[in-house]
Amino acid sequence: MDIAVLIKQVPVSNDVSVDPETHALIRSSSEGMINPADLNAIEAAMVLKEQTGGKVAVFTMGPTDAEKALRDAMALGCDESCLITDRCLAGGDTIATAKVLARSIEKYGKFDLILSGALSADGATGQVGAMVAEYMGIPHVAEIQGLSYDEGDKDCITAVKKYQGMEWKIKAALPALMSVCFGSNEPRLATLRSKRAAKNKSLEVYTNADLKMAADEIGLPGSPTMVTDSFQPESTRRAWMLAGTPEELAARLRELIDIEKGKE
């Protein structure tokens, strides 16, 4: 089974800057890492690869330094990678991003299964995976906790999804796209040997010269979503250091609780 995994490089910390005109995150201002839920998608892909053979190719759209995330993914066992990078793609919303990813996958080759993380740590929209599936015209199951594949039924795959206290098993025809929940498995760790090997693995780079997408489909011009503002919320948290006997502390705590209740 040949599997594509969509990953995103997200900031390591919340200390990022915001473009004052577009209100988008300036990702180059912060160190990046693989989005945590995407690590679960990679692990799910590796388990299937070990069962069925084939290859795992990982895709990301972003600035040139997103190559690090791809190399990290290949250190976890992915065989190939594709970086989609071009200044004209910058600022794209989920719709523009999904169009670019769908076109890139179709250009790269045929895949039996496409996996992505269910949510990103920065935007957390959960939209891109479903949109990619829609643009590619293939089935999609969102926010899954597991996958099972029966080699006696090679044209289908079964997703395990937990919803409202129940476990659902959803069979989808291949090719299909599944978005994997954070924490649904235990991602493997890279070794020193695998990190060295990742430096020599295949990395394809696509620009819009390769994809040949119209200017009004990509980047800001191709993004119907308008971000009107983006800001860091002010913290209203306060802390008190209390000292005294247990009886005095209990009385003071009760007084503070009564004050807070009075604000409701």
C-alpha atoms as a PDB file:
ATOM      1  CA  MET A   1       0.000   0.000   0.000  1.00  0.00           C
ATOM      2  CA  ASP A   2       1.361   3.413  -0.996  1.00  0.00           C
ATOM      3  CA  ILE A   3       0.491   6.088   1.545  1.00  0.00           C
ATOM      4  CA  ALA A   4       0.774   9.876   1.505  1.00  0.00           C
ATOM      5  CA  VAL A   5       0.918  11.783   4.793  1.00  0.00           C
ATOM      6  CA  LEU A   6       0.135  15.494   5.007  1.00  0.00           C
ATOM      7  CA  ILE A   7       2.064  17.297   7.716  1.00  0.00           C
ATOM      8  CA  LYS A   8       2.392  20.871   8.868  1.00  0.00           C
ATOM      9  CA  GLN A   9       5.275  22.658  10.500  1.00  0.00           C
ATOM     10  CA  VAL A  10       3.953  24.566  13.513  1.00  0.00           C
ATOM     11  CA  PRO A  11       5.721  26.913  15.958  1.00  0.00           C
ATOM     12  CA  VAL A  12       7.489  25.231  18.862  1.00  0.00           C
ATOM     13  CA  SER A  13       6.174  27.889  21.258  1.00  0.00           C
ATOM     14  CA  ASN A  14       3.390  30.467  21.374  1.00  0.00           C
ATOM     15  CA  ASP A  15       5.960  33.247  21.044  1.00  0.00           C
ATOM     16  CA  VAL A  16       5.215  34.135  17.415  1.00  0.00           C
ATOM     17  CA  SER A  17       4.614  37.419  15.645  1.00  0.00           C
ATOM     18  CA  VAL A  18       1.601  38.435  13.558  1.00  0.00           C
ATOM     19  CA  ASP A  19       1.645  40.233  10.210  1.00  0.00           C
ATOM     20  CA  PRO A  20      -0.057  43.612  10.871  1.00  0.00           C
ATOM     21  CA  GLU A  21      -1.603  43.691   7.364  1.00  0.00           C
ATOM     22  CA  THR A  22      -2.744  40.105   6.763  1.00  0.00           C
ATOM     23  CA  HIS A  23      -3.145  39.189  10.479  1.00  0.00           C
ATOM     24  CA  ALA A  24      -1.525  35.838   9.686  1.00  0.00           C
ATOM     25  CA  LEU A  25       1.191  34.200  11.760  1.00  0.00           C
ATOM     26  CA  ILE A  26       4.724  34.959  10.623  1.00  0.00           C
ATOM     27  CA  ARG A  27       5.997  31.406  10.815  1.00  0.00           C
ATOM     28  CA  SER A  28       9.585  32.289   9.943  1.00  0.00           C
ATOM     29  CA  SER A  29       9.851  34.162  13.252  1.00  0.00           C
ATOM     30  CA  SER A  30       9.691  30.977  15.325  1.00  0.00           C
ATOM     31  CA  GLU A  31      11.389  27.591  15.357  1.00  0.00           C
ATOM     32  CA  GLY A  32       9.186  24.921  13.810  1.00  0.00           C
ATOM     33  CA  MET A  33       8.306  21.313  14.562  1.00  0.00           C
ATOM     34  CA  ILE A  34       5.975  18.661  13.148  1.00  0.00           C
ATOM     35  CA  ASN A  35       2.395  19.246  14.253  1.00  0.00           C
ATOM     36  CA  PRO A  36       1.737  16.749  17.116  1.00  0.00           C
ATOM     37  CA  ALA A  37      -1.339  15.100  15.534  1.00  0.00           C
ATOM     38  CA  ASP A  38       0.641  14.633  12.308  1.00  0.00           C
ATOM     39  CA  LEU A  39       3.076  12.450  14.247  1.00  0.00           C
ATOM     40  CA  ASN A  40       0.126  10.157  15.007  1.00  0.00           C
ATOM     41  CA  ALA A  41      -0.727  10.119  11.292  1.00  0.00           C
ATOM     42  CA  ILE A  42       2.875   9.173  10.469  1.00  0.00           C
ATOM     43  CA  GLU A  43       2.792   6.364  13.018  1.00  0.00           C
ATOM     44  CA  ALA A  44      -0.479   5.022  11.578  1.00  0.00           C
ATOM     45  CA  ALA A  45       1.107   5.087   8.122  1.00  0.00           C
ATOM     46  CA  MET A  46       4.217   3.254   9.320  1.00  0.00           C
ATOM     47  CA  VAL A  47       2.131   0.497  10.940  1.00  0.00           C
ATOM     48  CA  LEU A  48       0.227  -0.029   7.686  1.00  0.00           C
ATOM     49  CA  LYS A  49       3.454   0.005   5.676  1.00  0.00           C
ATOM     50  CA  GLU A  50       4.908  -2.701   7.934  1.00  0.00           C
ATOM     51  CA  GLN A  51       1.760  -4.779   7.351  1.00  0.00           C
ATOM     52  CA  THR A  52       1.315  -4.277   3.610  1.00  0.00           C
ATOM     53  CA  GLY A  53       4.628  -3.067   2.175  1.00  0.00           C
ATOM     54  CA  GLY A  54       4.706  -0.148  -0.240  1.00  0.00           C
ATOM     55  CA  LYS A  55       6.010   3.317   0.527  1.00  0.00           C
ATOM     56  CA  VAL A  56       5.140   6.348   2.639  1.00  0.00           C
ATOM     57  CA  ALA A  57       5.598   9.814   1.128  1.00  0.00           C
ATOM     58  CA  VAL A  58       5.168  12.908   3.269  1.00  0.00           C
ATOM     59  CA  PHE A  59       3.968  16.307   1.978  1.00  0.00           C
ATOM     60  CA  THR A  60       4.047  19.787   3.444  1.00  0.00           C
ATOM     61  CA  MET A  61       3.377  23.297   2.173  1.00  0.00           C
ATOM     62  CA  GLY A  62       5.376  26.125   3.698  1.00  0.00           C
ATOM     63  CA  PRO A  63       8.574  28.169   3.580  1.00  0.00           C
ATOM     64  CA  THR A  64      11.871  26.562   2.606  1.00  0.00           C
ATOM     65  CA  ASP A  65      12.779  25.875   6.235  1.00  0.00           C
ATOM     66  CA  ALA A  66       9.839  23.429   6.383  1.00  0.00           C
ATOM     67  CA  GLU A  67      12.336  20.972   4.882  1.00  0.00           C
ATOM     68  CA  LYS A  68      13.361  20.278   8.476  1.00  0.00           C
ATOM     69  CA  ALA A  69       9.906  18.871   9.257  1.00  0.00           C
ATOM     70  CA  LEU A  70      10.113  16.630   6.191  1.00  0.00           C
ATOM     71  CA  ARG A  71      13.578  15.367   7.176  1.00  0.00           C
ATOM     72  CA  ASP A  72      12.281  14.685  10.682  1.00  0.00           C
ATOM     73  CA  ALA A  73       9.372  12.713   9.192  1.00  0.00           C
ATOM     74  CA  MET A  74      11.747  10.661   7.053  1.00  0.00           C
ATOM     75  CA  ALA A  75      13.829   9.975  10.152  1.00  0.00           C
ATOM     76  CA  LEU A  76      10.677   8.353  11.569  1.00  0.00           C
ATOM     77  CA  GLY A  77      10.529   5.986   8.599  1.00  0.00           C
ATOM     78  CA  CYS A  78       8.835   7.854   5.749  1.00  0.00           C
ATOM     79  CA  ASP A  79      10.496   6.966   2.453  1.00  0.00           C
ATOM     80  CA  GLU A  80      10.057  10.126   0.375  1.00  0.00           C
ATOM     81  CA  SER A  81       8.956  13.714   0.819  1.00  0.00           C
ATOM     82  CA  CYS A  82       7.647  16.687  -1.105  1.00  0.00           C
ATOM     83  CA  LEU A  83       8.009  20.350  -0.134  1.00  0.00           C
ATOM     84  CA  ILE A  84       5.563  22.746  -1.770  1.00  0.00           C
ATOM     85  CA  THR A  85       7.006  26.218  -1.434  1.00  0.00           C
ATOM     86  CA  ASP A  86       6.523  29.476  -3.314  1.00  0.00           C
ATOM     87  CA  ARG A  87       6.051  33.068  -2.221  1.00  0.00           C
ATOM     88  CA  CYS A  88       2.809  33.232  -4.225  1.00  0.00           C
ATOM     89  CA  LEU A  89       1.348  30.495  -1.980  1.00  0.00           C
ATOM     90  CA  ALA A  90       1.910  32.491   1.223  1.00  0.00           C
ATOM     91  CA  GLY A  91      -1.101  33.645   3.212  1.00  0.00           C
ATOM     92  CA  GLY A  92      -3.445  31.036   1.788  1.00  0.00           C
ATOM     93  CA  ASP A  93      -6.438  29.985   3.875  1.00  0.00           C
ATOM     94  CA  THR A  94      -7.577  26.382   4.305  1.00  0.00           C
ATOM     95  CA  ILE A  95      -9.319  26.373   0.907  1.00  0.00           C
ATOM     96  CA  ALA A  96      -6.280  27.613  -1.022  1.00  0.00           C
ATOM     97  CA  THR A  97      -4.005  25.291   0.966  1.00  0.00           C
ATOM     98  CA  ALA A  98      -6.182  22.254   0.258  1.00  0.00           C
ATOM     99  CA  LYS A  99      -6.251  23.016  -3.466  1.00  0.00           C
ATOM    100  CA  VAL A 100      -2.451  23.197  -3.581  1.00  0.00           C
ATOM    101  CA  LEU A 101      -1.997  19.988  -1.578  1.00  0.00           C
ATOM    102  CA  ALA A 102      -4.515  18.112  -3.739  1.00  0.00           C
ATOM    103  CA  ARG A 103      -2.791  19.239  -6.944  1.00  0.00           C
ATOM    104  CA  SER A 104       0.630  18.331  -5.521  1.00  0.00           C
ATOM    105  CA  ILE A 105      -0.448  14.811  -4.531  1.00  0.00           C
ATOM    106  CA  GLU A 106      -1.990  14.196  -7.944  1.00  0.00           C
ATOM    107  CA  LYS A 107       1.164  15.413  -9.675  1.00  0.00           C
ATOM    108  CA  TYR A 108       3.435  13.326  -7.456  1.00  0.00           C
ATOM    109  CA  GLY A 109       1.754   9.984  -8.113  1.00  0.00           C
ATOM    110  CA  LYS A 110      -1.030   7.603  -7.145  1.00  0.00           C
ATOM    111  CA  PHE A 111      -1.636   6.697  -3.508  1.00  0.00           C
ATOM    112  CA  ASP A 112      -3.934   4.117  -1.958  1.00  0.00           C
ATOM    113  CA  LEU A 113      -4.395   6.114   1.239  1.00  0.00           C
ATOM    114  CA  ILE A 114      -3.794   9.686   2.407  1.00  0.00           C
ATOM    115  CA  LEU A 115      -3.453  10.478   6.116  1.00  0.00           C
ATOM    116  CA  SER A 116      -3.307  13.778   7.959  1.00  0.00           C
ATOM    117  CA  GLY A 117      -3.483  14.987  11.526  1.00  0.00           C
ATOM    118  CA  ALA A 118      -7.023  15.847  12.600  1.00  0.00           C
ATOM    119  CA  LEU A 119      -6.110  19.286  13.965  1.00  0.00           C
ATOM    120  CA  SER A 120      -3.086  21.561  13.833  1.00  0.00           C
ATOM    121  CA  ALA A 121      -1.642  23.027  17.011  1.00  0.00           C
ATOM    122  CA  ASP A 122      -1.764  26.576  15.635  1.00  0.00           C
ATOM    123  CA  GLY A 123      -4.947  26.968  13.565  1.00  0.00           C
ATOM    124  CA  ALA A 124      -6.914  23.928  14.816  1.00  0.00           C
ATOM    125  CA  THR A 125      -9.537  24.267  12.065  1.00  0.00           C
ATOM    126  CA  GLY A 126      -9.622  20.562  11.158  1.00  0.00           C
ATOM    127  CA  GLN A 127     -10.666  21.557   7.627  1.00  0.00           C
ATOM    128  CA  VAL A 128      -7.729  20.875   5.319  1.00  0.00           C
ATOM    129  CA  GLY A 129      -7.925  17.070   5.261  1.00  0.00           C
ATOM    130  CA  ALA A 130     -11.619  17.019   4.345  1.00  0.00           C
ATOM    131  CA  MET A 131     -11.095  19.694   1.701  1.00  0.00           C
ATOM    132  CA  VAL A 132      -8.208  17.813   0.090  1.00  0.00           C
ATOM    133  CA  ALA A 133     -10.410  14.715  -0.137  1.00  0.00           C
ATOM    134  CA  GLU A 134     -13.210  16.758  -1.672  1.00  0.00           C
ATOM    135  CA  TYR A 135     -10.940  18.316  -4.309  1.00  0.00           C
ATOM    136  CA  MET A 136      -9.554  14.873  -5.148  1.00  0.00           C
ATOM    137  CA  GLY A 137     -13.015  13.305  -5.255  1.00  0.00           C
ATOM    138  CA  ILE A 138     -12.234  10.544  -2.734  1.00  0.00           C
ATOM    139  CA  PRO A 139     -13.915   9.351   0.513  1.00  0.00           C
ATOM    140  CA  HIS A 140     -12.932  10.971   3.808  1.00  0.00           C
ATOM    141  CA  VAL A 141     -13.353  10.008   7.462  1.00  0.00           C
ATOM    142  CA  ALA A 142     -12.477  12.658  10.047  1.00  0.00           C
ATOM    143  CA  GLU A 143     -10.929  12.367  13.505  1.00  0.00           C
ATOM    144  CA  ILE A 144     -10.246   8.654  13.604  1.00  0.00           C
ATOM    145  CA  GLN A 145      -8.574   6.766  16.452  1.00  0.00           C
ATOM    146  CA  GLY A 146      -7.402   3.723  14.500  1.00  0.00           C
ATOM    147  CA  LEU A 147      -7.206   1.867  11.193  1.00  0.00           C
ATOM    148  CA  SER A 148      -7.508  -1.761  10.192  1.00  0.00           C
ATOM    149  CA  TYR A 149      -6.773  -3.279   6.801  1.00  0.00           C
ATOM    150  CA  ASP A 150      -7.779  -6.739   5.646  1.00  0.00           C
ATOM    151  CA  GLU A 151      -5.610  -7.934   2.776  1.00  0.00           C
ATOM    152  CA  GLY A 152      -8.499 -10.165   1.734  1.00  0.00           C
ATOM    153  CA  ASP A 153     -10.490  -6.995   0.986  1.00  0.00           C
ATOM    154  CA  LYS A 154      -7.821  -4.862  -0.665  1.00  0.00           C
ATOM    155  CA  ASP A 155     -10.192  -2.266  -2.080  1.00  0.00           C
ATOM    156  CA  CYS A 156     -11.342  -1.008   1.349  1.00  0.00           C
ATOM    157  CA  ILE A 157      -9.986   0.158   4.680  1.00  0.00           C
ATOM    158  CA  THR A 158     -11.774   0.376   8.038  1.00  0.00           C
ATOM    159  CA  ALA A 159     -11.470   3.414  10.280  1.00  0.00           C
ATOM    160  CA  VAL A 160     -12.176   3.272  14.015  1.00  0.00           C
ATOM    161  CA  LYS A 161     -13.895   6.382  15.317  1.00  0.00           C
ATOM    162  CA  LYS A 162     -15.089   7.124  18.855  1.00  0.00           C
ATOM    163  CA  TYR A 163     -18.078   9.406  19.113  1.00  0.00           C
ATOM    164  CA  GLN A 164     -20.571  10.131  21.913  1.00  0.00           C
ATOM    165  CA  GLY A 165     -19.251   7.283  24.040  1.00  0.00           C
ATOM    166  CA  MET A 166     -19.511   4.727  21.260  1.00  0.00           C
ATOM    167  CA  GLU A 167     -16.952   3.134  18.947  1.00  0.00           C
ATOM    168  CA  TRP A 168     -17.778   3.185  15.263  1.00  0.00           C
ATOM    169  CA  LYS A 169     -16.131   1.156  12.518  1.00  0.00           C
ATOM    170  CA  ILE A 170     -16.426   2.881   9.156  1.00  0.00           C
ATOM    171  CA  LYS A 171     -15.407   1.099   5.963  1.00  0.00           C
ATOM    172  CA  ALA A 172     -14.254   3.305   3.102  1.00  0.00           C
ATOM    173  CA  ALA A 173     -13.324   2.453  -0.467  1.00  0.00           C
ATOM    174  CA  LEU A 174      -9.729   3.124  -1.472  1.00  0.00           C
ATOM    175  CA  PRO A 175      -8.253   5.535  -2.319  1.00  0.00           C
ATOM    176  CA  ALA A 176      -9.432   7.485   0.712  1.00  0.00           C
ATOM    177  CA  LEU A 177      -8.267  10.187   3.127  1.00  0.00           C
ATOM    178  CA  MET A 178      -8.370   9.830   6.912  1.00  0.00           C
ATOM    179  CA  SER A 179      -7.544  12.475   9.529  1.00  0.00           C
ATOM    180  CA  VAL A 180      -5.945  10.972  12.650  1.00  0.00           C
ATOM    181  CA  CYS A 181      -6.604  12.247  16.174  1.00  0.00           C
ATOM    182  CA  PHE A 182      -3.825  13.414  18.443  1.00  0.00           C
ATOM    183  CA  GLY A 183      -2.950  10.760  21.042  1.00  0.00           C
ATOM    184  CA  SER A 184      -4.525   7.892  19.111  1.00  0.00           C
ATOM    185  CA  ASN A 185      -1.242   5.954  19.082  1.00  0.00           C
ATOM    186  CA  GLU A 186       2.316   6.173  20.398  1.00  0.00           C
ATOM    187  CA  PRO A 187       4.571   7.757  17.758  1.00  0.00           C
ATOM    188  CA  ARG A 188       7.944   6.088  17.379  1.00  0.00           C
ATOM    189  CA  LEU A 189      11.158   7.974  18.038  1.00  0.00           C
ATOM    190  CA  ALA A 190      13.913   8.630  15.544  1.00  0.00           C
ATOM    191  CA  THR A 191      17.338   7.097  16.127  1.00  0.00           C
ATOM    192  CA  LEU A 192      20.702   8.623  15.338  1.00  0.00           C
ATOM    193  CA  ARG A 193      21.040   6.183  12.446  1.00  0.00           C
ATOM    194  CA  SER A 194      17.597   7.038  11.033  1.00  0.00           C
ATOM    195  CA  LYS A 195      18.329  10.777  11.312  1.00  0.00           C
ATOM    196  CA  ARG A 196      21.509  10.312   9.298  1.00  0.00           C
ATOM    197  CA  ALA A 197      19.690   8.198   6.714  1.00  0.00           C
ATOM    198  CA  ALA A 198      16.958  10.846   6.359  1.00  0.00           C
ATOM    199  CA  LYS A 199      19.518  13.337   5.033  1.00  0.00           C
ATOM    200  CA  ASN A 200      19.968  11.174   1.937  1.00  0.00           C
ATOM    201  CA  LYS A 201      16.321  10.324   1.258  1.00  0.00           C
ATOM    202  CA  SER A 202      14.453  11.746  -1.709  1.00  0.00           C
ATOM    203  CA  LEU A 203      12.992  15.243  -1.288  1.00  0.00           C
ATOM    204  CA  GLU A 204      11.020  16.727  -4.174  1.00  0.00           C
ATOM    205  CA  VAL A 205      10.402  20.485  -4.306  1.00  0.00           C
ATOM    206  CA  TYR A 206       7.347  21.905  -6.082  1.00  0.00           C
ATOM    207  CA  THR A 207       6.734  25.564  -6.857  1.00  0.00           C
ATOM    208  CA  ASN A 208       3.760  26.977  -8.697  1.00  0.00           C
ATOM    209  CA  ALA A 209       5.826  26.733 -11.867  1.00  0.00           C
ATOM    210  CA  ASP A 210       5.389  22.963 -11.442  1.00  0.00           C
ATOM    211  CA  LEU A 211       1.766  23.040 -10.293  1.00  0.00           C
ATOM    212  CA  LYS A 212       0.610  25.644 -12.856  1.00  0.00           C
ATOM    213  CA  MET A 213      -2.246  26.897 -10.707  1.00  0.00           C
ATOM    214  CA  ALA A 214      -4.030  30.158 -11.514  1.00  0.00           C
ATOM    215  CA  ALA A 215      -3.130  33.191  -9.394  1.00  0.00           C
ATOM    216  CA  ASP A 216      -6.722  33.551  -8.187  1.00  0.00           C
ATOM    217  CA  GLU A 217      -6.694  29.988  -6.767  1.00  0.00           C
ATOM    218  CA  ILE A 218      -3.710  30.308  -4.442  1.00  0.00           C
ATOM    219  CA  GLY A 219      -2.286  32.495  -1.705  1.00  0.00           C
ATOM    220  CA  LEU A 220      -4.204  35.536  -0.518  1.00  0.00           C
ATOM    221  CA  PRO A 221      -6.010  36.110  -3.863  1.00  0.00           C
ATOM    222  CA  GLY A 222      -7.371  32.539  -3.722  1.00  0.00           C
ATOM    223  CA  SER A 223      -8.494  32.789  -0.105  1.00  0.00           C
ATOM    224  CA  PRO A 224     -12.136  33.752   0.478  1.00  0.00           C
ATOM    225  CA  THR A 225     -11.542  33.664   4.242  1.00  0.00           C
ATOM    226  CA  MET A 226     -10.773  37.137   5.571  1.00  0.00           C
ATOM    227  CA  VAL A 227      -8.990  37.453   8.933  1.00  0.00           C
ATOM    228  CA  THR A 228     -10.122  40.813  10.293  1.00  0.00           C
ATOM    229  CA  ASP A 229      -7.943  40.761  13.390  1.00  0.00           C
ATOM    230  CA  SER A 230      -5.490  38.598  15.291  1.00  0.00           C
ATOM    231  CA  PHE A 231      -4.182  39.369  18.744  1.00  0.00           C
ATOM    232  CA  GLN A 232      -2.669  37.906  21.888  1.00  0.00           C
ATOM    233  CA  PRO A 233      -5.345  37.823  24.611  1.00  0.00           C
ATOM    234  CA  GLU A 234      -4.482  39.601  27.829  1.00  0.00           C
ATOM    235  CA  SER A 235      -4.147  37.323  30.811  1.00  0.00           C
ATOM    236  CA  THR A 236      -6.431  38.092  33.748  1.00  0.00           C
ATOM    237  CA  ARG A 237      -4.967  35.447  36.012  1.00  0.00           C
ATOM    238  CA  ARG A 238      -3.862  36.515  39.492  1.00  0.00           C
ATOM    239  CA  ALA A 239      -2.139  34.718  42.319  1.00  0.00           C
ATOM    240  CA  TRP A 240      -1.917  35.292  46.058  1.00  0.00           C
ATOM    241  CA  MET A 241       0.610  33.810  48.453  1.00  0.00           C
ATOM    242  CA  LEU A 242      -1.135  33.041  51.720  1.00  0.00           C
ATOM    243  CA  ALA A 243       0.580  32.411  55.047  1.00  0.00           C
ATOM    244  CA  GLY A 244      -0.725  31.589  58.492  1.00  0.00           C
ATOM    245  CA  THR A 245      -2.119  28.797  60.579  1.00  0.00           C
ATOM    246  CA  PRO A 246      -4.432  26.209  58.977  1.00  0.00           C
ATOM    247  CA  GLU A 247      -7.415  27.956  60.556  1.00  0.00           C
ATOM    248  CA  GLU A 248      -6.316  31.373  59.250  1.00  0.00           C
ATOM    249  CA  LEU A 249      -5.682  29.969  55.756  1.00  0.00           C
ATOM    250  CA  ALA A 250      -9.093  28.289  55.689  1.00  0.00           C
ATOM    251  CA  ALA A 251     -10.811  31.513  56.695  1.00  0.00           C
ATOM    252  CA  ARG A 252      -8.905  33.523  54.079  1.00  0.00           C
ATOM    253  CA  LEU A 253      -9.705  30.993  51.342  1.00  0.00           C
ATOM    254  CA  ARG A 254     -13.388  31.110  52.226  1.00  0.00           C
ATOM    255  CA  GLU A 255     -13.283  34.896  52.077  1.00  0.00           C
ATOM    256  CA  LEU A 256     -11.682  34.817  48.605  1.00  0.00           C
ATOM    257  CA  ILE A 257     -14.225  32.271  47.361  1.00  0.00           C
ATOM    258  CA  ASP A 258     -17.096  34.450  48.607  1.00  0.00           C
ATOM    259  CA  ILE A 259     -15.581  37.450  46.798  1.00  0.00           C
ATOM    260  CA  GLU A 260     -15.398  35.510  43.514  1.00  0.00           C
ATOM    261  CA  LYS A 261     -18.955  34.238  43.933  1.00  0.00           C
ATOM    262  CA  GLY A 262     -20.102  37.808  44.402  1.00  0.00           C
ATOM    263  CA  LYS A 263     -18.733  38.689  40.953  1.00  0.00           C
ATOM    264  CA  GLU A 264     -20.957  36.145  39.191  1.00  0.00           C
END
